[in-house]
Protein backbone atom coordinates (compact mmCIF):
# COMPACT_ATOMS: atom_id res chain seq x y z
CA UNK A 1 229.98 -19.90 152.17
CA UNK A 2 231.67 -22.24 149.70
CA UNK A 3 229.84 -25.35 150.79
CA UNK A 4 226.43 -23.58 150.66
CA UNK A 5 227.14 -22.19 147.26
CA UNK A 6 228.21 -25.57 145.95
CA UNK A 7 224.70 -26.91 146.77
CA UNK A 8 222.87 -23.96 145.09
CA UNK A 9 222.86 -25.20 141.49
CA UNK A 10 220.31 -24.61 138.78
CA UNK A 11 219.49 -28.30 138.77
CA UNK A 12 218.61 -28.21 142.41
CA UNK A 13 216.41 -25.21 141.91
CA UNK A 14 214.49 -26.89 139.08
CA UNK A 15 214.05 -30.06 141.05
CA UNK A 16 212.54 -28.32 144.00
CA UNK A 17 210.37 -26.17 141.80
CA UNK A 18 208.95 -29.27 140.00
CA UNK A 19 208.26 -31.00 143.38
CA UNK A 20 206.14 -28.01 144.59
CA UNK A 21 203.17 -29.22 142.37
CA UNK A 22 202.85 -32.15 144.81
CA UNK A 23 202.61 -30.04 147.93
CA UNK A 24 198.85 -30.41 148.26
CA UNK A 25 198.10 -33.67 146.47
CA UNK A 26 201.15 -35.79 147.51
CA UNK A 27 202.73 -34.01 150.46
CA UNK A 28 204.98 -37.05 151.16
CA UNK A 29 206.80 -36.42 147.79
CA UNK A 30 207.13 -32.66 148.38
CA UNK A 31 208.15 -32.66 152.06
CA UNK A 32 210.46 -35.67 151.81
CA UNK A 33 212.45 -33.86 149.12
CA UNK A 34 212.35 -30.60 150.99
CA UNK A 35 213.53 -32.28 154.19
CA UNK A 36 216.52 -33.85 152.47
CA UNK A 37 217.39 -30.44 150.86
CA UNK A 38 217.02 -28.70 154.24
CA UNK A 39 219.31 -31.13 156.03
CA UNK A 40 222.01 -30.69 153.35
CA UNK A 41 221.61 -26.95 153.43
CA UNK A 42 222.07 -26.73 157.22
CA UNK A 43 224.97 -29.12 157.21
CA UNK A 44 226.66 -26.87 154.64
CA UNK A 45 225.87 -23.73 156.66
CA UNK A 46 227.31 -25.35 159.75
CA UNK A 47 230.59 -26.13 158.01
CA UNK A 48 230.64 -22.58 156.42
CA UNK A 49 229.82 -20.47 159.48
CA UNK A 50 230.20 -22.47 162.74
CA UNK A 51 232.70 -25.34 162.53
CA UNK A 52 234.63 -25.56 159.29
CA UNK A 53 236.12 -28.99 160.07
CA UNK A 54 233.03 -30.63 161.47
CA UNK A 55 229.75 -31.93 160.13
CA UNK A 56 226.46 -32.34 162.08
CA UNK A 57 227.47 -35.67 163.63
CA UNK A 58 226.68 -35.56 167.33
CA UNK A 59 225.15 -32.04 167.12
CA UNK A 60 221.73 -31.20 168.59
CA UNK A 61 219.18 -29.81 166.10
CA UNK A 62 215.82 -28.21 167.01
CA UNK A 63 213.17 -27.83 164.28
CA UNK A 64 210.63 -25.19 165.16
CA UNK A 65 207.37 -26.10 163.44
CA UNK A 66 208.66 -29.56 162.69
CA UNK A 67 205.25 -30.87 161.51
CA UNK A 68 204.83 -34.60 160.91
CA UNK A 69 208.50 -35.53 161.15
CA UNK A 70 209.79 -35.72 157.51
CA UNK A 71 212.91 -33.83 158.64
CA UNK A 72 213.78 -36.21 161.47
CA UNK A 73 215.14 -39.08 159.46
CA UNK A 74 217.24 -36.78 157.21
CA UNK A 75 219.02 -35.16 160.12
CA UNK A 76 219.44 -38.45 161.92
CA UNK A 77 221.00 -39.82 158.69
CA UNK A 78 223.67 -37.09 159.20
CA UNK A 79 224.27 -38.22 162.68
CA UNK A 80 222.50 -35.33 164.44
CA UNK A 81 220.18 -35.54 167.37
CA UNK A 82 216.85 -34.08 166.16
CA UNK A 83 214.00 -32.69 168.08
CA UNK A 84 210.89 -31.08 166.52
CA UNK A 85 208.53 -28.56 168.13
CA UNK A 86 205.00 -28.42 166.78
CA UNK A 87 201.81 -26.84 168.20
CA UNK A 88 199.41 -29.05 166.24
CA UNK A 89 198.80 -32.66 167.31
CA UNK A 90 197.12 -33.30 163.91
CA UNK A 91 200.23 -31.96 162.01
CA UNK A 92 202.53 -34.19 164.12
CA UNK A 93 200.51 -37.23 163.19
CA UNK A 94 199.70 -36.30 159.58
CA UNK A 95 202.36 -38.46 157.96
CA UNK A 96 202.04 -41.44 160.24
CA UNK A 97 205.69 -41.24 161.18
CA UNK A 98 206.93 -42.22 164.62
CA UNK A 99 210.20 -42.82 166.48
CA UNK A 100 211.54 -39.28 166.51
CA UNK A 101 211.86 -36.72 169.28
CA UNK A 102 208.96 -34.24 169.26
CA UNK A 103 207.62 -31.69 171.70
CA UNK A 104 204.22 -29.88 171.53
CA UNK A 105 204.68 -26.18 171.82
CA UNK A 106 204.46 -22.79 170.27
CA UNK A 107 207.39 -21.13 168.40
CA UNK A 108 206.78 -17.89 170.31
CA UNK A 109 207.25 -19.63 173.67
CA UNK A 110 209.52 -22.69 173.25
CA UNK A 111 209.32 -25.17 176.08
CA UNK A 112 213.14 -25.46 176.21
CA UNK A 113 215.84 -24.10 178.46
CA UNK A 114 218.32 -21.45 177.34
CA UNK A 115 221.39 -22.37 175.32
CA UNK A 116 220.24 -25.94 174.61
CA UNK A 117 220.75 -26.68 170.91
CA UNK A 118 223.69 -26.36 168.42
CA UNK A 119 221.32 -25.57 165.53
CA UNK A 120 217.80 -24.12 165.78
CA UNK A 121 215.93 -23.77 162.48
CA UNK A 122 212.44 -23.15 161.05
CA UNK A 123 211.51 -23.94 157.49
CA UNK A 124 208.49 -22.14 156.05
CA UNK A 125 207.05 -21.25 159.42
CA UNK A 126 207.45 -17.53 159.96
CA UNK A 127 204.71 -16.58 157.46
CA UNK A 128 202.27 -18.70 159.44
CA UNK A 129 202.82 -16.83 162.77
CA UNK A 130 201.42 -13.40 163.57
CA UNK A 131 204.45 -12.41 165.65
CA UNK A 132 207.26 -14.18 163.82
CA UNK A 133 209.80 -11.85 165.49
CA UNK A 134 208.88 -13.41 168.90
CA UNK A 135 209.65 -16.86 167.37
CA UNK A 136 213.03 -15.54 166.14
CA UNK A 137 213.82 -14.20 169.65
CA UNK A 138 212.99 -17.59 171.10
CA UNK A 139 215.20 -19.34 168.58
CA UNK A 140 218.04 -17.19 169.65
CA UNK A 141 217.34 -17.87 173.29
CA UNK A 142 217.56 -21.60 172.99
CA UNK A 143 220.65 -21.83 170.71
CA UNK A 144 224.10 -22.42 172.19
CA UNK A 145 226.72 -19.71 171.94
CA UNK A 146 228.64 -20.48 168.72
CA UNK A 147 225.62 -22.23 167.24
CA UNK A 148 223.37 -21.33 164.29
CA UNK A 149 219.79 -20.05 163.98
CA UNK A 150 218.41 -20.60 160.47
CA UNK A 151 214.97 -19.08 159.62
CA UNK A 152 213.57 -19.70 156.08
CA UNK A 153 210.22 -18.28 155.07
CA UNK A 154 208.03 -17.59 151.99
CA UNK A 155 208.17 -13.92 151.00
CA UNK A 156 204.56 -12.55 150.56
CA UNK A 157 205.09 -10.77 147.30
CA UNK A 158 206.96 -13.65 145.72
CA UNK A 159 205.05 -16.00 143.36
CA UNK A 160 204.29 -18.50 146.12
CA UNK A 161 203.37 -15.96 148.83
CA UNK A 162 199.64 -17.06 148.58
CA UNK A 163 200.66 -20.66 149.00
CA UNK A 164 197.90 -22.94 147.63
CA UNK A 165 195.52 -20.00 146.87
CA UNK A 166 197.41 -19.43 143.57
CA UNK A 167 200.36 -17.63 141.97
CA UNK A 168 198.64 -14.27 141.34
CA UNK A 169 195.58 -13.99 143.47
CA UNK A 170 197.46 -12.82 146.54
CA UNK A 171 198.67 -9.77 144.55
CA UNK A 172 195.14 -8.51 144.63
CA UNK A 173 194.89 -9.25 148.35
CA UNK A 174 194.97 -12.05 150.84
CA UNK A 175 191.29 -11.90 151.56
CA UNK A 176 190.38 -12.07 147.92
CA UNK A 177 192.68 -15.01 147.37
CA UNK A 178 191.05 -16.83 150.31
CA UNK A 179 187.52 -16.15 149.00
CA UNK A 180 188.32 -17.10 145.50
CA UNK A 181 189.97 -20.40 146.55
CA UNK A 182 186.86 -21.25 148.62
CA UNK A 183 184.57 -20.47 145.71
CA UNK A 184 186.52 -22.52 143.23
CA UNK A 185 187.25 -25.52 145.42
CA UNK A 186 184.25 -25.62 147.74
CA UNK A 187 186.22 -25.42 150.92
CA UNK A 188 188.60 -22.91 152.59
CA UNK A 189 192.34 -23.14 151.96
CA UNK A 190 194.62 -24.87 154.52
CA UNK A 191 196.46 -21.60 154.94
CA UNK A 192 193.81 -18.96 155.87
CA UNK A 193 194.75 -15.31 155.37
CA UNK A 194 194.94 -13.40 158.60
CA UNK A 195 194.68 -16.58 160.81
CA UNK A 196 197.39 -18.94 159.56
CA UNK A 197 198.98 -17.07 156.75
CA UNK A 198 200.52 -13.53 157.04
CA UNK A 199 202.37 -11.13 154.80
CA UNK A 200 206.11 -11.09 155.60
CA UNK A 201 208.40 -9.18 153.31
CA UNK A 202 212.02 -9.64 152.53
CA UNK A 203 212.78 -6.18 153.87
CA UNK A 204 211.25 -7.07 157.26
CA UNK A 205 213.39 -10.12 157.58
CA UNK A 206 216.55 -8.36 156.68
CA UNK A 207 215.82 -5.45 159.03
CA UNK A 208 215.19 -7.93 161.84
CA UNK A 209 218.49 -9.67 161.12
CA UNK A 210 220.41 -6.37 161.22
CA UNK A 211 218.70 -5.42 164.44
CA UNK A 212 219.48 -8.64 166.33
CA UNK A 213 223.04 -8.54 164.98
CA UNK A 214 223.57 -5.17 166.49
CA UNK A 215 224.82 -4.39 170.03
CA UNK A 216 224.49 -7.26 172.47
CA UNK A 217 221.00 -7.43 174.08
CA UNK A 218 220.62 -6.71 177.72
CA UNK A 219 219.16 -10.15 178.54
CA UNK A 220 222.12 -12.24 179.61
CA UNK A 221 220.51 -15.47 178.47
CA UNK A 222 220.21 -14.37 174.85
CA UNK A 223 223.46 -14.75 173.02
CA UNK A 224 224.79 -11.99 170.89
CA UNK A 225 224.84 -12.54 167.15
CA UNK A 226 228.38 -12.51 165.81
CA UNK A 227 227.54 -12.84 162.16
CA UNK A 228 224.62 -13.13 159.81
CA UNK A 229 223.90 -13.98 156.22
CA UNK A 230 220.79 -13.85 153.97
CA UNK A 231 220.17 -15.37 150.55
CA UNK A 232 217.29 -16.73 148.45
CA UNK A 233 216.66 -20.39 149.29
CA UNK A 234 215.68 -21.72 145.95
CA UNK A 235 217.88 -19.70 143.61
CA UNK A 236 221.18 -20.85 142.15
CA UNK A 237 224.06 -19.12 143.84
CA UNK A 238 224.72 -16.82 140.85
CA UNK A 239 221.28 -15.27 141.40
CA UNK A 240 221.74 -14.49 145.14
CA UNK A 241 222.46 -10.85 144.28
CA UNK A 242 218.69 -10.19 143.97
CA UNK A 243 218.46 -10.17 147.82
CA UNK A 244 220.49 -6.90 147.83
CA UNK A 245 218.08 -5.04 145.54
CA UNK A 246 215.09 -3.30 147.26
CA UNK A 247 211.70 -3.78 145.61
CA UNK A 248 213.06 -6.44 143.20
CA UNK A 249 213.83 -8.84 146.02
CA UNK A 250 210.15 -8.66 147.20
CA UNK A 251 209.03 -10.22 143.87
CA UNK A 252 212.10 -12.20 142.85
CA UNK A 253 212.93 -13.95 146.13
CA UNK A 254 210.25 -16.53 146.68
CA UNK A 255 211.86 -17.77 149.94
CA UNK A 256 214.45 -15.98 152.08
CA UNK A 257 217.03 -17.69 154.30
CA UNK A 258 218.31 -15.76 157.33
CA UNK A 259 221.31 -17.36 159.09
CA UNK A 260 222.42 -16.03 162.47
CA UNK A 261 225.67 -17.20 164.16
CA UNK A 262 225.35 -16.88 168.05
């Protein structure tokens, strides 16, 4: 993981944390920076775990929950063939971007054949899906043998678990956070508890990764997982150890990255 660790500096962590304040008011600033960081992260993971002597040039990349297309230009800049899957037409058009490959579809039932992409990733999507494990199974189904599945999601008990509803309100409860946000702002949050925002713990993600990395599944179309890694997305590399500590990781890991090599 030397390439991935090289990216995980304190300066990067601070830069991403500062950009978070623009997520609601200037999403172009936040998501453009996040897209660049994501492309660099996945390129590093590819070289660390899949092909040590290759970058993403010529590789096929599927973005599950691709949204308005901020990620497209970053992966195309690296020479990859990018396709996004997004269920919401309004999300796809939100940034006014065009000229990138996009499919309308649900993460839990991807409209894609088996073993189709070198890299399949989702960034901050799992916590918005009631059955995120079904999405994970679909991501494994459509990745090529030897490829990578990368799932990054916001941990519920981390400081950003409640998303725009606040840094502490969700600790009282998701429904309380929703009601308080609506009372203060006069409209419901974009991410509505129980509808488009769900509690996903670090423990659940790690248990799922261990389970799918176990004995090969019976379905011949689903590749076995030969290796997996997990680490906190926004922490510098020297703080990755918190992922290994039960309870602490639920509060200290704001976003968990799970990487599966097919």
